[in-house]
Amino acid sequence: MHSCGICLRKFPVEELIIHGNKRYFLCSACKADVNRLDRFGLTPQDFKRLLEYQNYKCAICFKVLKIEQYKFAVDHCHDSTDVRGVLCITCNVGLARFDDDPDRILRAAEYINNPPAMGLVGRHDGKKKVTFLREEYRKQHG
């Protein structure tokens, strides 16, 4: 058993994370606190206040955040590093895929609400794909 260098609780050594060159052992919760403080200047109190303000839910999709499992992301502005909120992993990755571009995100929402090709192309039932494609090929190429 070793003690976490911050909270001083005892943990089996395999549950602790080595931090820094001086080989501090930190528990997962304290390591997460250190990372949020290093990356965003977010104290544990600030983080708790942010979670309470959001009712422990993702700021976009409102799913309950899995705080104990660390399945969330502190979302921040990439230009200023200001914290914008806490998101579920899915929403955070979604924003990243759109390069945090509001115009692009709005165009994606418009696309979802009004898809240009809806009804333009028929839909195959997905069964017997090889047979279907063979018949299509024969129609085109004799």
N, C-alpha and C. Protein backbone atom coordinates (compact mmCIF):
# COMPACT_ATOMS: atom_id res chain seq x y z
N MET A 1 0.85 -1.19 0.00
CA MET A 1 0.00 0.00 0.00
C MET A 1 0.89 1.24 0.00
N HIS A 2 0.48 2.20 -0.84
CA HIS A 2 1.17 3.48 -0.91
C HIS A 2 0.13 4.58 -0.71
N SER A 3 0.59 5.75 -0.35
CA SER A 3 -0.30 6.89 -0.16
C SER A 3 -0.27 7.77 -1.39
N CYS A 4 -1.46 8.32 -1.74
CA CYS A 4 -1.54 9.33 -2.79
C CYS A 4 -0.81 10.56 -2.28
N GLY A 5 -0.02 11.18 -3.14
CA GLY A 5 0.77 12.35 -2.76
C GLY A 5 -0.07 13.58 -2.45
N ILE A 6 -1.35 13.58 -2.79
CA ILE A 6 -2.20 14.74 -2.54
C ILE A 6 -3.21 14.47 -1.42
N CYS A 7 -4.06 13.46 -1.61
CA CYS A 7 -5.13 13.21 -0.62
C CYS A 7 -4.64 12.35 0.54
N LEU A 8 -3.48 11.71 0.39
CA LEU A 8 -2.83 10.89 1.40
C LEU A 8 -3.58 9.60 1.76
N ARG A 9 -4.64 9.29 0.98
CA ARG A 9 -5.31 8.00 1.20
C ARG A 9 -4.42 6.87 0.71
N LYS A 10 -4.57 5.72 1.32
CA LYS A 10 -3.75 4.55 0.97
C LYS A 10 -4.44 3.76 -0.14
N PHE A 11 -3.62 3.32 -1.12
CA PHE A 11 -4.11 2.54 -2.26
C PHE A 11 -3.11 1.44 -2.55
N PRO A 12 -3.57 0.34 -3.12
CA PRO A 12 -2.61 -0.64 -3.64
C PRO A 12 -1.79 0.05 -4.73
N VAL A 13 -0.51 -0.25 -4.80
CA VAL A 13 0.39 0.46 -5.70
C VAL A 13 -0.07 0.40 -7.15
N GLU A 14 -0.73 -0.70 -7.57
CA GLU A 14 -1.18 -0.81 -8.97
C GLU A 14 -2.33 0.14 -9.29
N GLU A 15 -2.97 0.72 -8.28
CA GLU A 15 -4.05 1.68 -8.51
C GLU A 15 -3.55 3.11 -8.55
N LEU A 16 -2.29 3.33 -8.31
CA LEU A 16 -1.74 4.68 -8.29
C LEU A 16 -1.00 4.98 -9.60
N ILE A 17 -0.90 6.27 -9.90
CA ILE A 17 -0.25 6.72 -11.13
C ILE A 17 1.01 7.47 -10.73
N ILE A 18 2.11 7.16 -11.39
CA ILE A 18 3.35 7.88 -11.13
C ILE A 18 3.25 9.23 -11.82
N HIS A 19 3.54 10.30 -11.08
CA HIS A 19 3.42 11.65 -11.63
C HIS A 19 4.75 12.37 -11.52
N GLY A 20 5.22 12.86 -12.65
CA GLY A 20 6.43 13.67 -12.66
C GLY A 20 7.70 12.87 -12.44
N ASN A 21 8.81 13.57 -12.54
CA ASN A 21 10.13 12.95 -12.40
C ASN A 21 10.41 12.51 -10.97
N LYS A 22 9.72 13.11 -10.02
CA LYS A 22 10.00 12.78 -8.62
C LYS A 22 9.20 11.57 -8.15
N ARG A 23 8.50 10.94 -9.07
CA ARG A 23 7.76 9.71 -8.80
C ARG A 23 6.73 9.86 -7.67
N TYR A 24 5.96 10.95 -7.77
CA TYR A 24 4.82 11.06 -6.86
C TYR A 24 3.79 10.02 -7.28
N PHE A 25 3.18 9.39 -6.33
CA PHE A 25 2.08 8.48 -6.61
C PHE A 25 0.78 9.25 -6.38
N LEU A 26 -0.09 9.24 -7.37
CA LEU A 26 -1.38 9.92 -7.25
C LEU A 26 -2.50 8.95 -7.55
N CYS A 27 -3.62 9.09 -6.83
CA CYS A 27 -4.80 8.30 -7.17
C CYS A 27 -5.43 8.92 -8.42
N SER A 28 -6.34 8.21 -9.06
CA SER A 28 -6.96 8.68 -10.30
C SER A 28 -7.66 10.02 -10.12
N ALA A 29 -8.38 10.18 -9.02
CA ALA A 29 -9.12 11.43 -8.79
C ALA A 29 -8.17 12.62 -8.65
N CYS A 30 -7.10 12.44 -7.89
CA CYS A 30 -6.13 13.54 -7.71
C CYS A 30 -5.36 13.81 -8.99
N LYS A 31 -5.04 12.78 -9.76
CA LYS A 31 -4.36 12.96 -11.04
C LYS A 31 -5.24 13.79 -11.98
N ALA A 32 -6.55 13.51 -11.99
CA ALA A 32 -7.47 14.28 -12.82
C ALA A 32 -7.52 15.74 -12.36
N ASP A 33 -7.50 15.97 -11.04
CA ASP A 33 -7.48 17.33 -10.51
C ASP A 33 -6.21 18.06 -10.96
N VAL A 34 -5.07 17.39 -10.90
CA VAL A 34 -3.80 17.99 -11.33
C VAL A 34 -3.86 18.34 -12.81
N ASN A 35 -4.39 17.43 -13.63
CA ASN A 35 -4.47 17.68 -15.07
C ASN A 35 -5.37 18.88 -15.38
N ARG A 36 -6.53 18.97 -14.71
CA ARG A 36 -7.43 20.10 -14.96
C ARG A 36 -6.81 21.42 -14.51
N LEU A 37 -6.05 21.37 -13.42
CA LEU A 37 -5.38 22.58 -12.94
C LEU A 37 -4.26 22.98 -13.90
N ASP A 38 -3.47 22.00 -14.36
CA ASP A 38 -2.38 22.28 -15.31
C ASP A 38 -2.89 22.81 -16.64
N ARG A 39 -3.88 22.15 -17.20
CA ARG A 39 -4.33 22.47 -18.56
C ARG A 39 -5.23 23.70 -18.63
N PHE A 40 -6.12 23.85 -17.62
CA PHE A 40 -7.15 24.89 -17.72
C PHE A 40 -7.17 25.87 -16.56
N GLY A 41 -6.31 25.66 -15.56
CA GLY A 41 -6.34 26.51 -14.37
C GLY A 41 -7.61 26.29 -13.56
N LEU A 42 -8.21 25.11 -13.70
CA LEU A 42 -9.48 24.78 -13.08
C LEU A 42 -9.23 24.07 -11.75
N THR A 43 -9.56 24.75 -10.65
CA THR A 43 -9.39 24.13 -9.34
C THR A 43 -10.48 23.09 -9.11
N PRO A 44 -10.28 22.18 -8.16
CA PRO A 44 -11.34 21.21 -7.86
C PRO A 44 -12.66 21.90 -7.48
N GLN A 45 -12.59 23.02 -6.78
CA GLN A 45 -13.79 23.76 -6.40
C GLN A 45 -14.48 24.34 -7.65
N ASP A 46 -13.68 24.89 -8.57
CA ASP A 46 -14.24 25.42 -9.82
C ASP A 46 -14.93 24.31 -10.62
N PHE A 47 -14.27 23.15 -10.68
CA PHE A 47 -14.82 22.03 -11.43
C PHE A 47 -16.14 21.57 -10.82
N LYS A 48 -16.17 21.48 -9.50
CA LYS A 48 -17.40 21.06 -8.82
C LYS A 48 -18.52 22.07 -9.08
N ARG A 49 -18.20 23.35 -9.02
CA ARG A 49 -19.21 24.40 -9.26
C ARG A 49 -19.74 24.31 -10.70
N LEU A 50 -18.85 24.04 -11.64
CA LEU A 50 -19.24 23.88 -13.04
C LEU A 50 -20.18 22.69 -13.22
N LEU A 51 -19.84 21.56 -12.60
CA LEU A 51 -20.70 20.38 -12.68
C LEU A 51 -22.07 20.63 -12.06
N GLU A 52 -22.08 21.29 -10.91
CA GLU A 52 -23.35 21.60 -10.26
C GLU A 52 -24.20 22.53 -11.12
N TYR A 53 -23.56 23.51 -11.74
CA TYR A 53 -24.27 24.45 -12.61
C TYR A 53 -24.92 23.72 -13.79
N GLN A 54 -24.25 22.69 -14.28
CA GLN A 54 -24.76 21.89 -15.41
C GLN A 54 -25.59 20.70 -14.95
N ASN A 55 -25.89 20.61 -13.66
CA ASN A 55 -26.65 19.48 -13.10
C ASN A 55 -26.00 18.13 -13.43
N TYR A 56 -24.68 18.11 -13.48
CA TYR A 56 -23.91 16.90 -13.77
C TYR A 56 -24.29 16.29 -15.11
N LYS A 57 -24.67 17.15 -16.07
CA LYS A 57 -25.05 16.69 -17.41
C LYS A 57 -24.20 17.37 -18.46
N CYS A 58 -24.07 16.71 -19.60
CA CYS A 58 -23.36 17.28 -20.74
C CYS A 58 -24.07 18.58 -21.14
N ALA A 59 -23.31 19.62 -21.42
CA ALA A 59 -23.88 20.93 -21.76
C ALA A 59 -24.56 20.92 -23.13
N ILE A 60 -24.32 19.90 -23.95
CA ILE A 60 -24.95 19.84 -25.27
C ILE A 60 -26.10 18.85 -25.31
N CYS A 61 -25.85 17.59 -24.98
CA CYS A 61 -26.87 16.54 -25.14
C CYS A 61 -27.63 16.23 -23.85
N PHE A 62 -27.18 16.77 -22.73
CA PHE A 62 -27.83 16.62 -21.43
C PHE A 62 -27.76 15.20 -20.86
N LYS A 63 -26.90 14.34 -21.41
CA LYS A 63 -26.70 13.02 -20.79
C LYS A 63 -25.98 13.22 -19.47
N VAL A 64 -26.30 12.35 -18.51
CA VAL A 64 -25.62 12.41 -17.22
C VAL A 64 -24.15 12.06 -17.42
N LEU A 65 -23.27 12.87 -16.90
CA LEU A 65 -21.83 12.65 -17.04
C LEU A 65 -21.36 11.57 -16.07
N LYS A 66 -20.51 10.70 -16.54
CA LYS A 66 -19.97 9.62 -15.71
C LYS A 66 -18.66 10.11 -15.09
N ILE A 67 -18.79 10.89 -14.05
CA ILE A 67 -17.65 11.55 -13.43
C ILE A 67 -16.69 10.54 -12.81
N GLU A 68 -17.23 9.52 -12.14
CA GLU A 68 -16.37 8.54 -11.46
C GLU A 68 -15.54 7.75 -12.46
N GLN A 69 -16.05 7.60 -13.68
CA GLN A 69 -15.34 6.82 -14.70
C GLN A 69 -14.49 7.71 -15.60
N TYR A 70 -14.50 9.02 -15.35
CA TYR A 70 -13.74 9.99 -16.14
C TYR A 70 -14.16 9.97 -17.61
N LYS A 71 -15.45 9.74 -17.86
CA LYS A 71 -15.95 9.73 -19.24
C LYS A 71 -16.62 11.07 -19.53
N PHE A 72 -15.81 12.10 -19.55
CA PHE A 72 -16.27 13.45 -19.82
C PHE A 72 -15.07 14.25 -20.30
N ALA A 73 -15.32 15.43 -20.79
CA ALA A 73 -14.22 16.30 -21.24
C ALA A 73 -14.50 17.72 -20.79
N VAL A 74 -13.47 18.39 -20.33
CA VAL A 74 -13.57 19.82 -20.06
C VAL A 74 -13.40 20.49 -21.41
N ASP A 75 -14.46 21.11 -21.90
CA ASP A 75 -14.41 21.78 -23.20
C ASP A 75 -13.85 23.18 -23.02
N HIS A 76 -13.00 23.57 -23.95
CA HIS A 76 -12.36 24.88 -23.85
C HIS A 76 -12.18 25.48 -25.23
N CYS A 77 -12.09 26.79 -25.26
CA CYS A 77 -11.81 27.51 -26.49
C CYS A 77 -10.34 27.28 -26.83
N HIS A 78 -10.08 26.86 -28.05
CA HIS A 78 -8.71 26.55 -28.43
C HIS A 78 -7.86 27.80 -28.67
N ASP A 79 -8.50 28.94 -28.85
CA ASP A 79 -7.75 30.18 -29.02
C ASP A 79 -7.34 30.78 -27.69
N SER A 80 -8.28 30.82 -26.74
CA SER A 80 -8.01 31.48 -25.46
C SER A 80 -7.77 30.51 -24.32
N THR A 81 -8.08 29.24 -24.51
CA THR A 81 -8.07 28.18 -23.49
C THR A 81 -9.10 28.42 -22.37
N ASP A 82 -10.03 29.37 -22.56
CA ASP A 82 -11.10 29.57 -21.58
C ASP A 82 -12.00 28.35 -21.56
N VAL A 83 -12.40 27.92 -20.37
CA VAL A 83 -13.29 26.78 -20.20
C VAL A 83 -14.70 27.19 -20.62
N ARG A 84 -15.33 26.36 -21.49
CA ARG A 84 -16.70 26.63 -21.95
C ARG A 84 -17.72 25.78 -21.21
N GLY A 85 -17.31 24.61 -20.73
CA GLY A 85 -18.24 23.73 -20.04
C GLY A 85 -17.69 22.32 -19.99
N VAL A 86 -18.52 21.41 -19.50
CA VAL A 86 -18.15 20.00 -19.43
C VAL A 86 -19.07 19.25 -20.39
N LEU A 87 -18.47 18.39 -21.21
CA LEU A 87 -19.21 17.65 -22.22
C LEU A 87 -18.97 16.16 -22.07
N CYS A 88 -19.91 15.37 -22.59
CA CYS A 88 -19.66 13.94 -22.71
C CYS A 88 -18.62 13.76 -23.82
N ILE A 89 -18.00 12.63 -23.85
CA ILE A 89 -16.94 12.38 -24.84
C ILE A 89 -17.49 12.51 -26.26
N THR A 90 -18.69 11.98 -26.51
CA THR A 90 -19.26 12.01 -27.85
C THR A 90 -19.44 13.44 -28.35
N CYS A 91 -20.01 14.30 -27.55
CA CYS A 91 -20.21 15.70 -27.96
C CYS A 91 -18.88 16.43 -28.13
N ASN A 92 -17.93 16.16 -27.25
CA ASN A 92 -16.63 16.81 -27.36
C ASN A 92 -15.93 16.42 -28.66
N VAL A 93 -15.96 15.14 -28.99
CA VAL A 93 -15.34 14.68 -30.24
C VAL A 93 -16.09 15.27 -31.43
N GLY A 94 -17.42 15.36 -31.33
CA GLY A 94 -18.21 15.95 -32.40
C GLY A 94 -17.78 17.39 -32.69
N LEU A 95 -17.61 18.19 -31.64
CA LEU A 95 -17.15 19.57 -31.84
C LEU A 95 -15.77 19.59 -32.48
N ALA A 96 -14.91 18.72 -32.03
CA ALA A 96 -13.55 18.67 -32.59
C ALA A 96 -13.58 18.31 -34.07
N ARG A 97 -14.46 17.39 -34.46
CA ARG A 97 -14.56 16.98 -35.86
C ARG A 97 -15.00 18.14 -36.75
N PHE A 98 -15.74 19.08 -36.17
CA PHE A 98 -16.18 20.26 -36.92
C PHE A 98 -15.23 21.45 -36.70
N ASP A 99 -14.06 21.19 -36.14
CA ASP A 99 -13.05 22.23 -35.89
C ASP A 99 -13.60 23.41 -35.09
N ASP A 100 -14.58 23.16 -34.23
CA ASP A 100 -15.20 24.22 -33.42
C ASP A 100 -15.71 25.38 -34.27
N ASP A 101 -16.07 25.10 -35.53
CA ASP A 101 -16.53 26.13 -36.46
C ASP A 101 -18.06 26.25 -36.37
N PRO A 102 -18.58 27.33 -35.79
CA PRO A 102 -20.03 27.46 -35.61
C PRO A 102 -20.80 27.41 -36.93
N ASP A 103 -20.27 28.01 -37.98
CA ASP A 103 -20.96 27.98 -39.27
C ASP A 103 -21.08 26.55 -39.79
N ARG A 104 -20.03 25.80 -39.66
CA ARG A 104 -20.05 24.41 -40.10
C ARG A 104 -21.04 23.58 -39.29
N ILE A 105 -21.08 23.83 -37.99
CA ILE A 105 -22.01 23.11 -37.12
C ILE A 105 -23.45 23.46 -37.49
N LEU A 106 -23.72 24.75 -37.76
CA LEU A 106 -25.07 25.16 -38.17
C LEU A 106 -25.45 24.54 -39.52
N ARG A 107 -24.49 24.47 -40.45
CA ARG A 107 -24.77 23.83 -41.74
C ARG A 107 -25.06 22.34 -41.55
N ALA A 108 -24.37 21.70 -40.62
CA ALA A 108 -24.63 20.29 -40.34
C ALA A 108 -26.04 20.12 -39.77
N ALA A 109 -26.45 21.02 -38.88
CA ALA A 109 -27.80 20.95 -38.33
C ALA A 109 -28.83 21.15 -39.43
N GLU A 110 -28.59 22.09 -40.33
CA GLU A 110 -29.51 22.31 -41.46
C GLU A 110 -29.56 21.08 -42.35
N TYR A 111 -28.43 20.47 -42.57
CA TYR A 111 -28.37 19.24 -43.38
C TYR A 111 -29.22 18.13 -42.74
N ILE A 112 -29.10 17.96 -41.45
CA ILE A 112 -29.88 16.93 -40.74
C ILE A 112 -31.37 17.25 -40.84
N ASN A 113 -31.74 18.53 -40.69
CA ASN A 113 -33.14 18.91 -40.73
C ASN A 113 -33.73 18.91 -42.14
N ASN A 114 -32.88 19.12 -43.15
CA ASN A 114 -33.35 19.23 -44.52
C ASN A 114 -32.36 18.57 -45.47
N PRO A 115 -32.24 17.23 -45.44
CA PRO A 115 -31.25 16.56 -46.29
C PRO A 115 -31.59 16.70 -47.77
N PRO A 116 -30.66 17.16 -48.59
CA PRO A 116 -30.94 17.44 -50.00
C PRO A 116 -31.28 16.21 -50.83
N ALA A 117 -30.80 15.04 -50.48
CA ALA A 117 -31.03 13.85 -51.30
C ALA A 117 -32.16 12.97 -50.79
N MET A 118 -32.87 13.41 -49.77
CA MET A 118 -33.94 12.58 -49.20
C MET A 118 -34.98 12.28 -50.27
N GLY A 119 -35.21 11.00 -50.49
CA GLY A 119 -36.20 10.58 -51.47
C GLY A 119 -35.70 10.54 -52.90
N LEU A 120 -34.51 11.03 -53.15
CA LEU A 120 -33.97 11.06 -54.51
C LEU A 120 -33.54 9.68 -54.98
N VAL A 121 -33.00 8.89 -54.09
CA VAL A 121 -32.48 7.58 -54.43
C VAL A 121 -33.30 6.52 -53.70
N GLY A 122 -33.66 5.46 -54.43
CA GLY A 122 -34.38 4.37 -53.80
C GLY A 122 -33.47 3.62 -52.84
N ARG A 123 -34.08 2.86 -51.99
CA ARG A 123 -33.29 2.12 -51.01
C ARG A 123 -33.46 0.62 -51.23
N HIS A 124 -32.37 -0.06 -51.28
CA HIS A 124 -32.39 -1.52 -51.43
C HIS A 124 -32.54 -2.12 -50.05
N ASP A 125 -33.19 -3.26 -49.95
CA ASP A 125 -33.45 -3.85 -48.64
C ASP A 125 -32.21 -4.48 -48.00
N GLY A 126 -31.10 -4.55 -48.73
CA GLY A 126 -29.86 -5.05 -48.15
C GLY A 126 -29.71 -6.54 -48.17
N LYS A 127 -30.72 -7.26 -48.64
CA LYS A 127 -30.63 -8.72 -48.69
C LYS A 127 -30.11 -9.14 -50.05
N LYS A 128 -29.44 -10.26 -50.07
CA LYS A 128 -28.92 -10.85 -51.31
C LYS A 128 -28.14 -9.82 -52.13
N LYS A 129 -27.19 -9.17 -51.51
CA LYS A 129 -26.42 -8.10 -52.14
C LYS A 129 -25.70 -8.57 -53.39
N VAL A 130 -25.07 -9.73 -53.33
CA VAL A 130 -24.31 -10.23 -54.48
C VAL A 130 -25.25 -10.46 -55.66
N THR A 131 -26.39 -11.09 -55.40
CA THR A 131 -27.36 -11.35 -56.46
C THR A 131 -27.86 -10.04 -57.06
N PHE A 132 -28.20 -9.09 -56.20
CA PHE A 132 -28.69 -7.79 -56.66
C PHE A 132 -27.65 -7.10 -57.53
N LEU A 133 -26.40 -7.03 -57.07
CA LEU A 133 -25.35 -6.35 -57.82
C LEU A 133 -25.04 -7.06 -59.13
N ARG A 134 -25.07 -8.38 -59.12
CA ARG A 134 -24.83 -9.14 -60.35
C ARG A 134 -25.89 -8.80 -61.39
N GLU A 135 -27.16 -8.74 -60.95
CA GLU A 135 -28.24 -8.40 -61.87
C GLU A 135 -28.09 -6.98 -62.40
N GLU A 136 -27.70 -6.04 -61.54
CA GLU A 136 -27.48 -4.67 -61.98
C GLU A 136 -26.34 -4.60 -63.00
N TYR A 137 -25.29 -5.34 -62.75
CA TYR A 137 -24.15 -5.36 -63.66
C TYR A 137 -24.59 -5.91 -65.03
N ARG A 138 -25.34 -6.99 -65.03
CA ARG A 138 -25.81 -7.60 -66.27
C ARG A 138 -26.72 -6.65 -67.06
N LYS A 139 -27.54 -5.87 -66.35
CA LYS A 139 -28.42 -4.91 -67.01
C LYS A 139 -27.59 -3.87 -67.76
N GLN A 140 -26.50 -3.44 -67.13
CA GLN A 140 -25.67 -2.39 -67.72
C GLN A 140 -24.70 -2.90 -68.77
N HIS A 141 -24.20 -4.10 -68.59
CA HIS A 141 -23.11 -4.60 -69.45
C HIS A 141 -23.50 -5.81 -70.30
N GLY A 142 -24.72 -6.27 -70.20
CA GLY A 142 -25.21 -7.36 -71.03
C GLY A 142 -24.75 -8.67 -70.63
